[in-house]
Amino acid sequence: MAATTAPANGERRGSIRVPQFALAPPRKPDSHLYWIVKHGVRYSGMGAWERLLPDSTPWQVVTFLSRLDSLPPSVDAAWRSVGG
C-alpha cells in the first residue's frame, strides 16, 4: 500500500479547502467546531480525531480556536512561531 500525505496547509484535496485558521479564525458555534474536530471534514486535509483523543481534548481545541483572534500577545507569538 502506497503512503499518502495530507496536502500542505491551504492546498486543495478534492473540492474542500483545508482550513486556514491563522488567516480566518472560525466563526461557528462551539458545538459545530467540536463535531468538526472530532469527526473531521470529508475530502479535505482535516482528519477525524474521534478514536485518537479523549472527549475532553476536542473541547480544548475548540476553546483555542474560538479565541484565536483574542489570544494574549505572548500566546499568539508562541503559536505563530510554530507555524500558526
Protein backbone atom coordinates (compact mmCIF):
# COMPACT_ATOMS: atom_id res chain seq x y z
CA MET A 1 0.00 0.00 0.00
CA ALA A 2 1.46 3.35 -1.00
CA ALA A 3 1.89 6.03 1.63
CA THR A 4 -0.22 9.13 1.22
CA THR A 5 0.21 12.55 2.73
CA ALA A 6 -2.23 15.29 3.51
CA PRO A 7 -1.95 18.42 1.39
CA ALA A 8 0.10 21.32 2.71
CA ASN A 9 -1.83 23.99 4.57
CA GLY A 10 -4.01 25.84 2.07
CA GLU A 11 -3.79 23.32 -0.75
CA ARG A 12 -6.86 21.61 -2.06
CA ARG A 13 -7.78 17.96 -1.78
CA GLY A 14 -10.96 17.07 -3.58
CA SER A 15 -13.18 20.13 -3.60
CA ILE A 16 -12.88 21.36 0.01
CA ARG A 17 -10.20 23.85 1.01
CA VAL A 18 -8.05 22.97 4.02
CA PRO A 19 -8.99 25.33 6.89
CA GLN A 20 -6.86 28.48 7.22
CA PHE A 21 -7.46 29.28 10.88
CA ALA A 22 -4.47 31.62 11.21
CA LEU A 23 -5.86 33.82 8.44
CA ALA A 24 -9.54 33.47 9.22
CA PRO A 25 -10.48 32.18 12.69
CA PRO A 26 -13.60 30.03 12.55
CA ARG A 27 -16.94 31.72 13.24
CA LYS A 28 -19.06 28.73 14.12
CA PRO A 29 -20.85 27.64 17.30
CA ASP A 30 -18.62 25.69 19.69
CA SER A 31 -20.75 22.57 19.21
CA HIS A 32 -20.11 22.71 15.44
CA LEU A 33 -16.36 23.14 15.93
CA TYR A 34 -16.36 20.20 18.35
CA TRP A 35 -18.04 17.99 15.74
CA ILE A 36 -15.52 19.07 13.08
CA VAL A 37 -12.52 18.39 15.34
CA LYS A 38 -13.90 15.04 16.45
CA HIS A 39 -15.16 13.76 13.07
CA GLY A 40 -13.06 15.71 10.54
CA VAL A 41 -14.14 17.08 7.17
CA ARG A 42 -14.51 14.55 4.39
CA TYR A 43 -12.38 15.11 1.27
CA SER A 44 -10.15 17.66 2.96
CA GLY A 45 -6.93 17.64 4.94
CA MET A 46 -8.93 17.82 8.20
CA GLY A 47 -8.86 14.31 9.58
CA ALA A 48 -11.00 12.85 12.35
CA TRP A 49 -9.63 12.60 15.90
CA GLU A 50 -12.56 10.62 17.31
CA ARG A 51 -10.61 7.44 18.02
CA LEU A 52 -7.34 9.12 18.93
CA LEU A 53 -8.29 11.59 21.67
CA PRO A 54 -10.40 11.54 24.83
CA ASP A 55 -13.66 13.53 24.62
CA SER A 56 -12.21 16.42 26.64
CA THR A 57 -9.40 17.18 24.18
CA PRO A 58 -11.58 18.33 21.25
CA TRP A 59 -13.20 20.81 23.65
CA GLN A 60 -9.75 22.18 24.47
CA VAL A 61 -9.07 22.60 20.75
CA VAL A 62 -12.45 24.34 20.34
CA THR A 63 -11.62 26.73 23.18
CA PHE A 64 -8.34 27.63 21.49
CA LEU A 65 -9.90 28.03 18.02
CA SER A 66 -12.78 30.16 19.26
CA ARG A 67 -10.30 32.59 20.84
CA LEU A 68 -7.70 32.83 18.08
CA ASP A 69 -8.38 36.49 17.44
CA SER A 70 -8.09 37.44 21.14
CA LEU A 71 -5.07 35.49 22.37
CA PRO A 72 -2.67 37.25 24.74
CA PRO A 73 0.32 38.60 22.76
CA SER A 74 2.77 36.07 24.22
CA VAL A 75 0.49 33.13 23.40
CA ASP A 76 -0.18 34.46 19.89
CA ALA A 77 3.57 34.87 19.27
CA ALA A 78 4.33 31.36 20.55
CA TRP A 79 1.56 29.83 18.41
CA ARG A 80 2.68 31.66 15.27
CA SER A 81 6.34 30.73 15.87
CA VAL A 82 5.50 27.04 15.42
CA GLY A 83 3.55 27.51 12.21
CA GLY A 84 0.22 29.01 13.29
